[in-house]
Amino acid sequence: MAVTFYNVKEGEFVRLIESQSISKIIAQESADSPLKFHVVGINPKAETAYAVRHGRTNTLRTWRLDNLGLFLKELKIRTWEVQYKY
C-alpha cells in the first residue's frame, strides 16, 4: 500500500477536516525539536496523508502539544494519536 503524502497550509488542512476528507489525526514529535509536534491528517480510503507546513516555506510546522490541542479542539476533533520519536 503506497500512501500519497502532501504538505498543505493550515487553511487547506482546516478545509480538509471540515469536509471530512481527513478521518485520523496524528501528532508526531519532531526529530529536531523535543516536545514539538508535526500534525498529520490521514484519509485511509484515498490512501492520502496531509501534513501542515509553514505558509511561506515548504517546511513542516511545529506545535507545542497544548497549542495543537487548542487548534484541534476548535475544529471539534475529539481524538488524535500522539507519537514520540523514541
PDB file of N, CA and C in Angstrom:
ATOM      1  N   MET A   1       0.834  -1.174   0.000  1.00  0.00           N
ATOM      2  CA  MET A   1       0.000   0.000   0.000  1.00  0.00           C
ATOM      3  C   MET A   1       0.884   1.244   0.000  1.00  0.00           C
ATOM      4  N   ALA A   2       0.827   2.020  -1.038  1.00  0.00           N
ATOM      5  CA  ALA A   2       1.582   3.267  -1.137  1.00  0.00           C
ATOM      6  C   ALA A   2       0.672   4.424  -0.739  1.00  0.00           C
ATOM      7  N   VAL A   3       1.154   5.241   0.180  1.00  0.00           N
ATOM      8  CA  VAL A   3       0.386   6.388   0.649  1.00  0.00           C
ATOM      9  C   VAL A   3       0.946   7.650   0.005  1.00  0.00           C
ATOM     10  N   THR A   4       0.078   8.462  -0.563  1.00  0.00           N
ATOM     11  CA  THR A   4       0.476   9.740  -1.142  1.00  0.00           C
ATOM     12  C   THR A   4       0.519  10.764  -0.013  1.00  0.00           C
ATOM     13  N   PHE A   5       1.615  11.521   0.063  1.00  0.00           N
ATOM     14  CA  PHE A   5       1.844  12.454   1.159  1.00  0.00           C
ATOM     15  C   PHE A   5       1.924  13.874   0.608  1.00  0.00           C
ATOM     16  N   TYR A   6       1.122  14.781   1.170  1.00  0.00           N
ATOM     17  CA  TYR A   6       1.108  16.173   0.739  1.00  0.00           C
ATOM     18  C   TYR A   6       1.414  17.090   1.916  1.00  0.00           C
ATOM     19  N   ASN A   7       2.159  18.166   1.659  1.00  0.00           N
ATOM     20  CA  ASN A   7       2.342  19.242   2.625  1.00  0.00           C
ATOM     21  C   ASN A   7       1.375  20.351   2.253  1.00  0.00           C
ATOM     22  N   VAL A   8       0.469  20.694   3.180  1.00  0.00           N
ATOM     23  CA  VAL A   8      -0.547  21.706   2.904  1.00  0.00           C
ATOM     24  C   VAL A   8      -0.469  22.812   3.955  1.00  0.00           C
ATOM     25  N   LYS A   9      -0.961  23.983   3.586  1.00  0.00           N
ATOM     26  CA  LYS A   9      -1.028  25.096   4.533  1.00  0.00           C
ATOM     27  C   LYS A   9      -2.157  24.850   5.529  1.00  0.00           C
ATOM     28  N   GLU A  10      -2.119  25.590   6.618  1.00  0.00           N
ATOM     29  CA  GLU A  10      -3.088  25.400   7.696  1.00  0.00           C
ATOM     30  C   GLU A  10      -4.533  25.562   7.226  1.00  0.00           C
ATOM     31  N   GLY A  11      -4.799  26.548   6.374  1.00  0.00           N
ATOM     32  CA  GLY A  11      -6.160  26.766   5.880  1.00  0.00           C
ATOM     33  C   GLY A  11      -6.687  25.594   5.064  1.00  0.00           C
ATOM     34  N   GLU A  12      -5.841  25.023   4.243  1.00  0.00           N
ATOM     35  CA  GLU A  12      -6.230  23.855   3.452  1.00  0.00           C
ATOM     36  C   GLU A  12      -6.473  22.653   4.361  1.00  0.00           C
ATOM     37  N   PHE A  13      -5.662  22.515   5.395  1.00  0.00           N
ATOM     38  CA  PHE A  13      -5.840  21.423   6.362  1.00  0.00           C
ATOM     39  C   PHE A  13      -7.192  21.553   7.057  1.00  0.00           C
ATOM     40  N   VAL A  14      -7.541  22.763   7.461  1.00  0.00           N
ATOM     41  CA  VAL A  14      -8.841  23.011   8.101  1.00  0.00           C
ATOM     42  C   VAL A  14      -9.967  22.662   7.136  1.00  0.00           C
ATOM     43  N   ARG A  15      -9.841  23.062   5.877  1.00  0.00           N
ATOM     44  CA  ARG A  15     -10.872  22.751   4.884  1.00  0.00           C
ATOM     45  C   ARG A  15     -11.044  21.243   4.720  1.00  0.00           C
ATOM     46  N   LEU A  16      -9.933  20.508   4.713  1.00  0.00           N
ATOM     47  CA  LEU A  16      -9.991  19.052   4.575  1.00  0.00           C
ATOM     48  C   LEU A  16     -10.674  18.402   5.781  1.00  0.00           C
ATOM     49  N   ILE A  17     -10.430  18.935   6.971  1.00  0.00           N
ATOM     50  CA  ILE A  17     -11.097  18.407   8.162  1.00  0.00           C
ATOM     51  C   ILE A  17     -12.585  18.712   8.115  1.00  0.00           C
ATOM     52  N   GLU A  18     -12.936  19.942   7.758  1.00  0.00           N
ATOM     53  CA  GLU A  18     -14.346  20.333   7.708  1.00  0.00           C
ATOM     54  C   GLU A  18     -15.128  19.569   6.653  1.00  0.00           C
ATOM     55  N   SER A  19     -14.468  19.193   5.560  1.00  0.00           N
ATOM     56  CA  SER A  19     -15.147  18.420   4.517  1.00  0.00           C
ATOM     57  C   SER A  19     -15.087  16.917   4.799  1.00  0.00           C
ATOM     58  N   GLN A  20     -14.536  16.557   5.946  1.00  0.00           N
ATOM     59  CA  GLN A  20     -14.407  15.168   6.389  1.00  0.00           C
ATOM     60  C   GLN A  20     -13.566  14.324   5.444  1.00  0.00           C
ATOM     61  N   SER A  21     -12.606  14.972   4.772  1.00  0.00           N
ATOM     62  CA  SER A  21     -11.653  14.237   3.939  1.00  0.00           C
ATOM     63  C   SER A  21     -10.548  13.622   4.788  1.00  0.00           C
ATOM     64  N   ILE A  22     -10.385  14.118   6.000  1.00  0.00           N
ATOM     65  CA  ILE A  22      -9.401  13.578   6.941  1.00  0.00           C
ATOM     66  C   ILE A  22     -10.169  12.911   8.067  1.00  0.00           C
ATOM     67  N   SER A  23      -9.838  11.649   8.352  1.00  0.00           N
ATOM     68  CA  SER A  23     -10.563  10.945   9.401  1.00  0.00           C
ATOM     69  C   SER A  23      -9.670  10.538  10.569  1.00  0.00           C
ATOM     70  N   LYS A  24      -8.360  10.704  10.440  1.00  0.00           N
ATOM     71  CA  LYS A  24      -7.449  10.347  11.531  1.00  0.00           C
ATOM     72  C   LYS A  24      -6.381  11.426  11.642  1.00  0.00           C
ATOM     73  N   ILE A  25      -6.085  11.845  12.875  1.00  0.00           N
ATOM     74  CA  ILE A  25      -5.076  12.868  13.132  1.00  0.00           C
ATOM     75  C   ILE A  25      -3.960  12.247  13.968  1.00  0.00           C
ATOM     76  N   ILE A  26      -2.721  12.500  13.556  1.00  0.00           N
ATOM     77  CA  ILE A  26      -1.554  12.028  14.302  1.00  0.00           C
ATOM     78  C   ILE A  26      -0.657  13.229  14.583  1.00  0.00           C
ATOM     79  N   ALA A  27      -0.224  13.362  15.837  1.00  0.00           N
ATOM     80  CA  ALA A  27       0.779  14.362  16.215  1.00  0.00           C
ATOM     81  C   ALA A  27       2.092  13.610  16.397  1.00  0.00           C
ATOM     82  N   GLN A  28       3.055  13.871  15.540  1.00  0.00           N
ATOM     83  CA  GLN A  28       4.350  13.175  15.553  1.00  0.00           C
ATOM     84  C   GLN A  28       5.415  14.124  16.084  1.00  0.00           C
ATOM     85  N   GLU A  29       6.142  13.692  17.107  1.00  0.00           N
ATOM     86  CA  GLU A  29       7.185  14.544  17.686  1.00  0.00           C
ATOM     87  C   GLU A  29       8.283  14.809  16.669  1.00  0.00           C
ATOM     88  N   SER A  30       8.754  16.035  16.638  1.00  0.00           N
ATOM     89  CA  SER A  30       9.816  16.437  15.715  1.00  0.00           C
ATOM     90  C   SER A  30      11.133  15.781  16.102  1.00  0.00           C
ATOM     91  N   ALA A  31      11.885  15.343  15.114  1.00  0.00           N
ATOM     92  CA  ALA A  31      13.202  14.763  15.372  1.00  0.00           C
ATOM     93  C   ALA A  31      14.200  15.835  15.782  1.00  0.00           C
ATOM     94  N   ASP A  32      13.962  17.082  15.375  1.00  0.00           N
ATOM     95  CA  ASP A  32      14.887  18.183  15.661  1.00  0.00           C
ATOM     96  C   ASP A  32      14.580  18.917  16.957  1.00  0.00           C
ATOM     97  N   SER A  33      13.316  19.018  17.313  1.00  0.00           N
ATOM     98  CA  SER A  33      12.900  19.796  18.484  1.00  0.00           C
ATOM     99  C   SER A  33      12.098  18.921  19.438  1.00  0.00           C
ATOM    100  N   PRO A  34      12.679  18.564  20.583  1.00  0.00           N
ATOM    101  CA  PRO A  34      11.926  17.746  21.537  1.00  0.00           C
ATOM    102  C   PRO A  34      10.679  18.479  22.031  1.00  0.00           C
ATOM    103  N   LEU A  35       9.619  17.731  22.207  1.00  0.00           N
ATOM    104  CA  LEU A  35       8.325  18.223  22.681  1.00  0.00           C
ATOM    105  C   LEU A  35       7.678  19.247  21.748  1.00  0.00           C
ATOM    106  N   LYS A  36       8.059  19.236  20.488  1.00  0.00           N
ATOM    107  CA  LYS A  36       7.373  19.980  19.422  1.00  0.00           C
ATOM    108  C   LYS A  36       6.846  18.930  18.448  1.00  0.00           C
ATOM    109  N   PHE A  37       5.660  19.129  17.944  1.00  0.00           N
ATOM    110  CA  PHE A  37       4.984  18.099  17.169  1.00  0.00           C
ATOM    111  C   PHE A  37       4.561  18.606  15.800  1.00  0.00           C
ATOM    112  N   HIS A  38       4.609  17.710  14.824  1.00  0.00           N
ATOM    113  CA  HIS A  38       4.056  17.944  13.491  1.00  0.00           C
ATOM    114  C   HIS A  38       2.685  17.278  13.479  1.00  0.00           C
ATOM    115  N   VAL A  39       1.738  17.885  12.795  1.00  0.00           N
ATOM    116  CA  VAL A  39       0.405  17.288  12.723  1.00  0.00           C
ATOM    117  C   VAL A  39       0.193  16.720  11.323  1.00  0.00           C
ATOM    118  N   VAL A  40      -0.327  15.501  11.294  1.00  0.00           N
ATOM    119  CA  VAL A  40      -0.586  14.784  10.043  1.00  0.00           C
ATOM    120  C   VAL A  40      -2.029  14.300  10.068  1.00  0.00           C
ATOM    121  N   GLY A  41      -2.753  14.589   9.001  1.00  0.00           N
ATOM    122  CA  GLY A  41      -4.110  14.089   8.838  1.00  0.00           C
ATOM    123  C   GLY A  41      -4.128  13.003   7.784  1.00  0.00           C
ATOM    124  N   ILE A  42      -4.893  11.953   8.025  1.00  0.00           N
ATOM    125  CA  ILE A  42      -4.885  10.795   7.125  1.00  0.00           C
ATOM    126  C   ILE A  42      -6.291  10.524   6.605  1.00  0.00           C
ATOM    127  N   ASN A  43      -6.360  10.241   5.311  1.00  0.00           N
ATOM    128  CA  ASN A  43      -7.574   9.767   4.669  1.00  0.00           C
ATOM    129  C   ASN A  43      -7.300   8.332   4.226  1.00  0.00           C
ATOM    130  N   PRO A  44      -7.704   7.331   5.036  1.00  0.00           N
ATOM    131  CA  PRO A  44      -7.367   5.943   4.708  1.00  0.00           C
ATOM    132  C   PRO A  44      -8.056   5.418   3.441  1.00  0.00           C
ATOM    133  N   LYS A  45      -9.228   5.942   3.122  1.00  0.00           N
ATOM    134  CA  LYS A  45      -9.936   5.472   1.923  1.00  0.00           C
ATOM    135  C   LYS A  45      -9.176   5.833   0.660  1.00  0.00           C
ATOM    136  N   ALA A  46      -8.640   7.060   0.618  1.00  0.00           N
ATOM    137  CA  ALA A  46      -7.893   7.516  -0.560  1.00  0.00           C
ATOM    138  C   ALA A  46      -6.397   7.244  -0.429  1.00  0.00           C
ATOM    139  N   GLU A  47      -5.985   6.659   0.719  1.00  0.00           N
ATOM    140  CA  GLU A  47      -4.570   6.384   0.984  1.00  0.00           C
ATOM    141  C   GLU A  47      -3.728   7.655   0.816  1.00  0.00           C
ATOM    142  N   THR A  48      -4.185   8.721   1.497  1.00  0.00           N
ATOM    143  CA  THR A  48      -3.550  10.024   1.391  1.00  0.00           C
ATOM    144  C   THR A  48      -3.283  10.571   2.783  1.00  0.00           C
ATOM    145  N   ALA A  49      -2.131  11.231   2.938  1.00  0.00           N
ATOM    146  CA  ALA A  49      -1.783  11.879   4.200  1.00  0.00           C
ATOM    147  C   ALA A  49      -1.448  13.343   3.921  1.00  0.00           C
ATOM    148  N   TYR A  50      -1.817  14.198   4.867  1.00  0.00           N
ATOM    149  CA  TYR A  50      -1.591  15.632   4.733  1.00  0.00           C
ATOM    150  C   TYR A  50      -0.881  16.137   5.987  1.00  0.00           C
ATOM    151  N   ALA A  51       0.228  16.839   5.810  1.00  0.00           N
ATOM    152  CA  ALA A  51       0.946  17.455   6.928  1.00  0.00           C
ATOM    153  C   ALA A  51       0.870  18.963   6.788  1.00  0.00           C
ATOM    154  N   VAL A  52       0.754  19.657   7.920  1.00  0.00           N
ATOM    155  CA  VAL A  52       0.673  21.116   7.899  1.00  0.00           C
ATOM    156  C   VAL A  52       2.079  21.691   7.763  1.00  0.00           C
ATOM    157  N   ARG A  53       2.236  22.578   6.794  1.00  0.00           N
ATOM    158  CA  ARG A  53       3.529  23.229   6.565  1.00  0.00           C
ATOM    159  C   ARG A  53       3.409  24.713   6.881  1.00  0.00           C
ATOM    160  N   HIS A  54       4.560  25.384   6.954  1.00  0.00           N
ATOM    161  CA  HIS A  54       4.560  26.831   7.139  1.00  0.00           C
ATOM    162  C   HIS A  54       4.015  27.500   5.887  1.00  0.00           C
ATOM    163  N   GLY A  55       3.503  28.705   6.048  1.00  0.00           N
ATOM    164  CA  GLY A  55       2.889  29.411   4.930  1.00  0.00           C
ATOM    165  C   GLY A  55       3.847  29.824   3.833  1.00  0.00           C
ATOM    166  N   ARG A  56       5.039  30.270   4.193  1.00  0.00           N
ATOM    167  CA  ARG A  56       5.951  30.801   3.173  1.00  0.00           C
ATOM    168  C   ARG A  56       7.029  29.823   2.739  1.00  0.00           C
ATOM    169  N   THR A  57       7.265  28.822   3.520  1.00  0.00           N
ATOM    170  CA  THR A  57       8.288  27.834   3.161  1.00  0.00           C
ATOM    171  C   THR A  57       7.661  26.451   3.169  1.00  0.00           C
ATOM    172  N   ASN A  58       8.322  25.512   2.552  1.00  0.00           N
ATOM    173  CA  ASN A  58       7.798  24.153   2.492  1.00  0.00           C
ATOM    174  C   ASN A  58       8.400  23.288   3.597  1.00  0.00           C
ATOM    175  N   THR A  59       8.506  23.860   4.807  1.00  0.00           N
ATOM    176  CA  THR A  59       8.972  23.099   5.967  1.00  0.00           C
ATOM    177  C   THR A  59       7.778  22.818   6.866  1.00  0.00           C
ATOM    178  N   LEU A  60       7.802  21.687   7.543  1.00  0.00           N
ATOM    179  CA  LEU A  60       6.680  21.306   8.395  1.00  0.00           C
ATOM    180  C   LEU A  60       6.558  22.238   9.586  1.00  0.00           C
ATOM    181  N   ARG A  61       5.345  22.605   9.899  1.00  0.00           N
ATOM    182  CA  ARG A  61       5.087  23.464  11.051  1.00  0.00           C
ATOM    183  C   ARG A  61       5.178  22.630  12.319  1.00  0.00           C
ATOM    184  N   THR A  62       5.753  23.193  13.367  1.00  0.00           N
ATOM    185  CA  THR A  62       5.825  22.506  14.658  1.00  0.00           C
ATOM    186  C   THR A  62       4.899  23.194  15.650  1.00  0.00           C
ATOM    187  N   TRP A  63       4.350  22.393  16.541  1.00  0.00           N
ATOM    188  CA  TRP A  63       3.395  22.877  17.534  1.00  0.00           C
ATOM    189  C   TRP A  63       3.795  22.336  18.901  1.00  0.00           C
ATOM    190  N   ARG A  64       3.554  23.122  19.950  1.00  0.00           N
ATOM    191  CA  ARG A  64       3.553  22.551  21.292  1.00  0.00           C
ATOM    192  C   ARG A  64       2.245  21.788  21.417  1.00  0.00           C
ATOM    193  N   LEU A  65       2.246  20.742  22.207  1.00  0.00           N
ATOM    194  CA  LEU A  65       1.076  19.874  22.271  1.00  0.00           C
ATOM    195  C   LEU A  65      -0.153  20.614  22.816  1.00  0.00           C
ATOM    196  N   ASP A  66       0.037  21.546  23.746  1.00  0.00           N
ATOM    197  CA  ASP A  66      -1.120  22.284  24.262  1.00  0.00           C
ATOM    198  C   ASP A  66      -1.726  23.182  23.185  1.00  0.00           C
ATOM    199  N   ASN A  67      -0.887  23.837  22.388  1.00  0.00           N
ATOM    200  CA  ASN A  67      -1.399  24.680  21.302  1.00  0.00           C
ATOM    201  C   ASN A  67      -2.047  23.850  20.204  1.00  0.00           C
ATOM    202  N   LEU A  68      -1.480  22.701  19.917  1.00  0.00           N
ATOM    203  CA  LEU A  68      -2.088  21.803  18.931  1.00  0.00           C
ATOM    204  C   LEU A  68      -3.451  21.333  19.413  1.00  0.00           C
ATOM    205  N   GLY A  69      -3.546  21.031  20.702  1.00  0.00           N
ATOM    206  CA  GLY A  69      -4.827  20.618  21.276  1.00  0.00           C
ATOM    207  C   GLY A  69      -5.891  21.693  21.136  1.00  0.00           C
ATOM    208  N   LEU A  70      -5.515  22.951  21.372  1.00  0.00           N
ATOM    209  CA  LEU A  70      -6.465  24.059  21.203  1.00  0.00           C
ATOM    210  C   LEU A  70      -6.909  24.201  19.751  1.00  0.00           C
ATOM    211  N   PHE A  71      -5.953  24.070  18.827  1.00  0.00           N
ATOM    212  CA  PHE A  71      -6.262  24.146  17.396  1.00  0.00           C
ATOM    213  C   PHE A  71      -7.253  23.054  16.999  1.00  0.00           C
ATOM    214  N   LEU A  72      -7.002  21.826  17.435  1.00  0.00           N
ATOM    215  CA  LEU A  72      -7.878  20.713  17.079  1.00  0.00           C
ATOM    216  C   LEU A  72      -9.223  20.795  17.790  1.00  0.00           C
ATOM    217  N   LYS A  73      -9.225  21.311  19.020  1.00  0.00           N
ATOM    218  CA  LYS A  73     -10.485  21.455  19.761  1.00  0.00           C
ATOM    219  C   LYS A  73     -11.416  22.440  19.053  1.00  0.00           C
ATOM    220  N   GLU A  74     -10.857  23.519  18.500  1.00  0.00           N
ATOM    221  CA  GLU A  74     -11.673  24.483  17.752  1.00  0.00           C
ATOM    222  C   GLU A  74     -12.304  23.852  16.517  1.00  0.00           C
ATOM    223  N   LEU A  75     -11.637  22.812  15.979  1.00  0.00           N
ATOM    224  CA  LEU A  75     -12.161  22.112  14.801  1.00  0.00           C
ATOM    225  C   LEU A  75     -13.068  20.939  15.178  1.00  0.00           C
ATOM    226  N   LYS A  76     -13.342  20.826  16.480  1.00  0.00           N
ATOM    227  CA  LYS A  76     -14.214  19.769  17.021  1.00  0.00           C
ATOM    228  C   LYS A  76     -13.640  18.367  16.828  1.00  0.00           C
ATOM    229  N   ILE A  77     -12.313  18.271  16.846  1.00  0.00           N
ATOM    230  CA  ILE A  77     -11.642  16.967  16.814  1.00  0.00           C
ATOM    231  C   ILE A  77     -11.549  16.478  18.248  1.00  0.00           C
ATOM    232  N   ARG A  78     -12.094  15.318  18.525  1.00  0.00           N
ATOM    233  CA  ARG A  78     -12.131  14.808  19.895  1.00  0.00           C
ATOM    234  C   ARG A  78     -10.981  13.860  20.211  1.00  0.00           C
ATOM    235  N   THR A  79     -10.484  13.166  19.217  1.00  0.00           N
ATOM    236  CA  THR A  79      -9.396  12.210  19.471  1.00  0.00           C
ATOM    237  C   THR A  79      -8.313  12.368  18.420  1.00  0.00           C
ATOM    238  N   TRP A  80      -7.078  12.174  18.854  1.00  0.00           N
ATOM    239  CA  TRP A  80      -5.948  12.125  17.948  1.00  0.00           C
ATOM    240  C   TRP A  80      -4.862  11.296  18.604  1.00  0.00           C
ATOM    241  N   GLU A  81      -3.954  10.813  17.807  1.00  0.00           N
ATOM    242  CA  GLU A  81      -2.881   9.947  18.270  1.00  0.00           C
ATOM    243  C   GLU A  81      -1.600  10.766  18.418  1.00  0.00           C
ATOM    244  N   VAL A  82      -0.862  10.518  19.487  1.00  0.00           N
ATOM    245  CA  VAL A  82       0.405  11.197  19.718  1.00  0.00           C
ATOM    246  C   VAL A  82       1.526  10.161  19.639  1.00  0.00           C
ATOM    247  N   GLN A  83       2.539  10.453  18.824  1.00  0.00           N
ATOM    248  CA  GLN A  83       3.679   9.548  18.677  1.00  0.00           C
ATOM    249  C   GLN A  83       4.951  10.306  19.040  1.00  0.00           C
ATOM    250  N   TYR A  84       5.736   9.697  19.940  1.00  0.00           N
ATOM    251  CA  TYR A  84       7.027  10.286  20.309  1.00  0.00           C
ATOM    252  C   TYR A  84       8.120   9.662  19.472  1.00  0.00           C
ATOM    253  N   LYS A  85       9.263  10.320  19.398  1.00  0.00           N
ATOM    254  CA  LYS A  85      10.329   9.894  18.493  1.00  0.00           C
ATOM    255  C   LYS A  85      11.191   8.771  19.030  1.00  0.00           C
ATOM    256  N   TYR A  86      10.929   8.213  20.185  1.00  0.00           N
ATOM    257  CA  TYR A  86      11.785   7.177  20.784  1.00  0.00           C
ATOM    258  C   TYR A  86      12.159   6.139  19.761  1.00  0.00           C
TER     259      TYR A  86
END
